[in-house]
Amino acid sequence: MTMVYGWLIVLIASIAQGLTGFGFALIAVPLLSMVLPFNQIVPIVVGLSLVSNLVMLWRLYKHVELKKIWLLIVFGFIGIPIGGYLLLVLDGVILKISVGLLIFGFAILLLRKITFPIRNEYLAYPTVGLLSGILNGSISASGPPLVLFLANQGKDQQVFKANLAFYSIFLNLSTLAVFYFNGTLDRAVASIIVQLLVIMIAGTGMGMAMARRIDQQMFRKLVIYLLIASSVSMILGAIPF
């Protein structure tokens, strides 16, 4: 029964991932926490996210803006140790709530069609990458800065998801390497990942197929709503009850 529940969660979360290019962890982590220990959930979600991003990149690799995205990757890795340092000197709860409120505010502006288009993206990508790396190193939330930036720029959904998948693959691999060396990614976790792989691939494919049936305006709204849900989840998760 537990595995069936896990399959259903992964299917729903992977459909959302294939549809919008992100959101798998947002849906999967809180639901899987009902049936699995948290120290297993995180490596499982990262491992499955890697597979989902590889599936999306395999189909969308022609849309990757490689000349720009490499700046994001380089500065993302530079930002990770900075984020780790901030986690040591700042209160984690305040940090999460502040970032959540900031993301929520920008998402609402985007929902109201208030944007701030940046003409020189070559200068913007290093900044976005640095912010993403800092958030990844401090509160494990690397996605929102890039998602906000791509949504603000009005990127076509194929380019949006291709860039996001390409960048996320590097983060997934580096995170899994850390989990492997610290023992978090063990045989038990790897076995669960393998059992959920087929569902993950199928759900991602279904989400991508559904995405082809929606126009750019609807895609943009879905992304913004998921960003709002992500920010609210981050804020509520940080508040000690």
Protein backbone atom coordinates (compact mmCIF):
# COMPACT_ATOMS: atom_id res chain seq x y z
CA MET A 1 0.00 0.00 0.00
CA THR A 2 2.88 2.36 0.84
CA MET A 3 4.48 1.80 -2.57
CA VAL A 4 1.17 2.39 -4.38
CA TYR A 5 0.81 5.67 -2.49
CA GLY A 6 4.39 6.55 -3.47
CA TRP A 7 3.68 5.79 -7.14
CA LEU A 8 0.60 8.04 -7.08
CA ILE A 9 2.54 10.92 -5.48
CA VAL A 10 5.42 10.62 -7.94
CA LEU A 11 3.00 10.42 -10.88
CA ILE A 12 1.19 13.63 -9.88
CA ALA A 13 4.41 15.49 -9.05
CA SER A 14 6.16 14.37 -12.26
CA ILE A 15 3.20 15.47 -14.38
CA ALA A 16 3.53 18.95 -12.82
CA GLN A 17 7.28 18.85 -13.52
CA GLY A 18 6.77 17.91 -17.16
CA LEU A 19 4.03 20.51 -17.54
CA THR A 20 5.86 23.52 -16.09
CA GLY A 21 9.53 22.47 -15.86
CA PHE A 22 9.66 22.54 -12.04
CA GLY A 23 7.58 21.82 -8.95
CA PHE A 24 8.34 18.14 -8.41
CA ALA A 25 9.90 18.65 -4.97
CA LEU A 26 7.19 21.13 -3.96
CA ILE A 27 4.52 18.45 -4.38
CA ALA A 28 6.46 15.27 -3.60
CA VAL A 29 8.34 16.21 -0.40
CA PRO A 30 5.36 17.04 1.90
CA LEU A 31 3.29 14.09 0.63
CA LEU A 32 6.10 11.52 0.79
CA SER A 33 6.88 12.66 4.34
CA MET A 34 3.68 10.88 5.39
CA VAL A 35 5.11 7.47 4.49
CA LEU A 36 8.91 7.83 4.45
CA PRO A 37 11.59 9.23 6.79
CA PHE A 38 12.72 12.73 5.79
CA ASN A 39 16.38 11.70 5.51
CA GLN A 40 15.33 9.32 2.72
CA ILE A 41 12.88 11.66 0.99
CA VAL A 42 15.41 14.35 0.04
CA PRO A 43 17.87 12.07 -1.84
CA ILE A 44 14.95 10.22 -3.43
CA VAL A 45 13.42 13.47 -4.70
CA VAL A 46 16.80 14.76 -5.97
CA GLY A 47 17.48 11.45 -7.75
CA LEU A 48 14.06 11.39 -9.39
CA SER A 49 14.36 15.08 -10.31
CA LEU A 50 17.60 14.28 -12.11
CA VAL A 51 15.80 11.64 -14.19
CA SER A 52 12.92 14.01 -14.96
CA ASN A 53 15.30 16.79 -16.03
CA LEU A 54 17.22 14.36 -18.25
CA VAL A 55 13.96 13.29 -19.94
CA MET A 56 13.00 16.93 -20.57
CA LEU A 57 16.46 17.85 -21.83
CA TRP A 58 16.48 14.85 -24.17
CA ARG A 59 13.37 16.24 -25.84
CA LEU A 60 14.19 19.95 -25.59
CA TYR A 61 18.00 20.14 -25.92
CA LYS A 62 17.72 22.18 -29.14
CA HIS A 63 16.11 25.00 -27.16
CA VAL A 64 18.87 25.39 -24.55
CA GLU A 65 20.47 28.84 -24.65
CA LEU A 66 23.92 27.38 -24.06
CA LYS A 67 25.82 30.65 -24.61
CA LYS A 68 23.91 32.19 -21.71
CA ILE A 69 23.20 29.24 -19.43
CA TRP A 70 26.86 28.38 -18.79
CA LEU A 71 27.16 31.71 -16.92
CA LEU A 72 24.28 30.61 -14.71
CA ILE A 73 26.00 27.32 -13.89
CA VAL A 74 29.41 28.86 -13.10
CA PHE A 75 28.01 31.58 -10.85
CA GLY A 76 25.57 29.12 -9.30
CA PHE A 77 28.45 27.02 -8.01
CA ILE A 78 30.20 30.17 -6.78
CA GLY A 79 27.09 31.09 -4.81
CA ILE A 80 26.71 27.73 -3.01
CA PRO A 81 29.52 28.25 -0.43
CA ILE A 82 28.33 31.84 0.10
CA GLY A 83 24.89 30.48 0.92
CA GLY A 84 26.44 27.95 3.29
CA TYR A 85 28.18 30.78 5.12
CA LEU A 86 24.97 32.83 5.35
CA LEU A 87 23.22 29.84 6.89
CA LEU A 88 25.81 29.89 9.68
CA VAL A 89 25.52 33.62 10.44
CA LEU A 90 21.82 34.27 9.79
CA ASP A 91 18.70 32.83 11.35
CA GLY A 92 17.35 30.10 9.04
CA VAL A 93 13.72 30.84 9.85
CA ILE A 94 14.07 34.54 9.07
CA LEU A 95 16.00 33.71 5.89
CA LYS A 96 13.30 31.34 4.60
CA ILE A 97 10.43 33.68 5.44
CA SER A 98 12.20 36.66 3.84
CA VAL A 99 12.93 34.75 0.63
CA GLY A 100 9.40 33.33 0.57
CA LEU A 101 7.87 36.79 0.89
CA LEU A 102 10.15 38.15 -1.83
CA ILE A 103 9.23 35.36 -4.24
CA PHE A 104 5.53 35.80 -3.39
CA GLY A 105 5.72 39.54 -4.08
CA PHE A 106 7.43 39.14 -7.45
CA ALA A 107 5.03 36.34 -8.44
CA ILE A 108 2.04 38.57 -7.69
CA LEU A 109 3.56 41.32 -9.85
CA LEU A 110 3.99 38.82 -12.71
CA LEU A 111 0.41 37.63 -12.23
CA ARG A 112 -0.72 41.24 -12.62
CA LYS A 113 1.40 41.41 -15.79
CA ILE A 114 3.87 43.84 -14.23
CA THR A 115 7.28 42.84 -15.56
CA PHE A 116 10.77 44.31 -15.67
CA PRO A 117 12.28 42.98 -18.93
CA ILE A 118 16.08 42.92 -18.93
CA ARG A 119 17.64 43.63 -22.31
CA ASN A 120 21.20 42.49 -21.58
CA GLU A 121 20.69 38.90 -20.45
CA TYR A 122 24.44 38.18 -20.56
CA LEU A 123 24.79 40.46 -17.54
CA ALA A 124 21.66 39.14 -15.84
CA TYR A 125 22.49 35.43 -15.91
CA PRO A 126 25.55 35.71 -13.59
CA THR A 127 23.43 37.60 -11.03
CA VAL A 128 20.58 35.09 -11.25
CA GLY A 129 23.06 32.19 -11.02
CA LEU A 130 24.73 33.69 -7.97
CA LEU A 131 21.39 34.20 -6.21
CA SER A 132 20.32 30.67 -7.13
CA GLY A 133 23.55 29.21 -5.75
CA ILE A 134 23.27 31.24 -2.54
CA LEU A 135 19.72 30.02 -1.95
CA ASN A 136 20.75 26.45 -2.76
CA GLY A 137 23.59 26.60 -0.24
CA SER A 138 21.49 28.24 2.46
CA ILE A 139 17.91 26.93 2.24
CA SER A 140 18.07 24.37 -0.64
CA ALA A 141 15.84 26.49 -2.89
CA SER A 142 17.81 27.11 -6.08
CA GLY A 143 14.91 27.18 -8.52
CA PRO A 144 12.85 30.32 -7.73
CA PRO A 145 15.40 32.97 -8.89
CA LEU A 146 15.76 31.33 -12.32
CA VAL A 147 12.03 30.62 -12.65
CA LEU A 148 11.20 34.24 -11.77
CA PHE A 149 13.79 35.54 -14.21
CA LEU A 150 12.67 33.35 -17.12
CA ALA A 151 9.01 34.17 -16.44
CA ASN A 152 9.81 37.88 -16.24
CA GLN A 153 11.57 37.67 -19.61
CA GLY A 154 8.53 36.01 -21.16
CA LYS A 155 10.52 33.03 -22.42
CA ASP A 156 8.81 30.55 -24.71
CA GLN A 157 7.83 27.48 -22.71
CA GLN A 158 10.24 25.23 -24.65
CA VAL A 159 13.19 27.56 -23.95
CA PHE A 160 11.99 28.04 -20.36
CA LYS A 161 11.94 24.30 -19.60
CA ALA A 162 15.11 23.51 -21.57
CA ASN A 163 17.19 26.11 -19.71
CA LEU A 164 15.73 25.09 -16.35
CA ALA A 165 16.36 21.38 -16.99
CA PHE A 166 19.93 21.93 -18.19
CA TYR A 167 20.82 24.00 -15.12
CA SER A 168 19.01 21.69 -12.69
CA ILE A 169 20.89 18.63 -13.94
CA PHE A 170 24.20 20.10 -12.77
CA LEU A 171 22.74 20.92 -9.35
CA ASN A 172 21.13 17.48 -9.05
CA LEU A 173 24.40 15.72 -9.86
CA SER A 174 26.44 17.78 -7.40
CA THR A 175 23.84 17.27 -4.66
CA LEU A 176 23.69 13.51 -5.24
CA ALA A 177 27.49 13.36 -5.06
CA VAL A 178 27.35 15.03 -1.63
CA PHE A 179 24.62 12.59 -0.51
CA TYR A 180 26.71 9.63 -1.70
CA PHE A 181 29.83 10.65 0.18
CA ASN A 182 27.98 11.49 3.41
CA GLY A 183 26.09 8.19 3.30
CA THR A 184 22.60 9.63 2.77
CA LEU A 185 22.35 7.99 -0.66
CA ASP A 186 22.57 4.33 0.35
CA ARG A 187 21.30 1.07 -1.15
CA ALA A 188 17.86 1.38 0.43
CA VAL A 189 17.35 4.86 -1.06
CA ALA A 190 18.75 3.80 -4.44
CA SER A 191 16.34 0.82 -4.47
CA ILE A 192 13.33 3.10 -3.90
CA ILE A 193 14.51 5.44 -6.67
CA VAL A 194 14.78 2.51 -9.10
CA GLN A 195 11.26 1.33 -8.18
CA LEU A 196 9.84 4.78 -8.94
CA LEU A 197 11.80 5.47 -12.14
CA VAL A 198 9.21 4.17 -14.61
CA ILE A 199 6.44 6.22 -12.98
CA MET A 200 8.69 9.30 -12.98
CA ILE A 201 9.51 8.97 -16.67
CA ALA A 202 5.87 8.27 -17.60
CA GLY A 203 4.57 11.20 -15.57
CA THR A 204 7.14 13.60 -17.03
CA GLY A 205 6.20 12.48 -20.53
CA MET A 206 2.50 12.96 -19.77
CA GLY A 207 3.15 16.45 -18.42
CA MET A 208 5.15 17.43 -21.50
CA ALA A 209 2.40 16.06 -23.76
CA MET A 210 -0.18 18.11 -21.86
CA ALA A 211 2.03 21.21 -22.16
CA ARG A 212 1.85 21.02 -25.95
CA ARG A 213 -1.90 21.53 -25.71
CA ILE A 214 -1.75 24.81 -23.78
CA ASP A 215 -0.77 28.22 -25.15
CA GLN A 216 2.00 30.48 -23.86
CA GLN A 217 -0.35 32.61 -21.76
CA MET A 218 -1.78 29.60 -19.91
CA PHE A 219 1.72 28.17 -19.42
CA ARG A 220 2.85 31.46 -17.88
CA LYS A 221 -0.09 31.45 -15.46
CA LEU A 222 0.63 27.88 -14.38
CA VAL A 223 4.26 28.79 -13.68
CA ILE A 224 3.26 31.84 -11.62
CA TYR A 225 0.65 29.91 -9.60
CA LEU A 226 3.23 27.22 -8.85
CA LEU A 227 5.69 29.93 -7.77
CA ILE A 228 3.08 31.37 -5.41
CA ALA A 229 2.40 27.92 -3.97
CA SER A 230 6.15 27.40 -3.57
CA SER A 231 6.60 30.70 -1.70
CA VAL A 232 3.65 30.02 0.61
CA SER A 233 4.98 26.52 1.32
CA MET A 234 8.40 27.96 2.11
CA ILE A 235 6.94 30.53 4.53
CA LEU A 236 4.65 28.07 6.32
CA GLY A 237 7.43 25.48 6.52
CA ALA A 238 9.71 28.00 8.23
CA ILE A 239 7.22 29.08 10.89
CA PRO A 240 7.63 27.03 14.09
CA PHE A 241 4.19 25.91 15.26
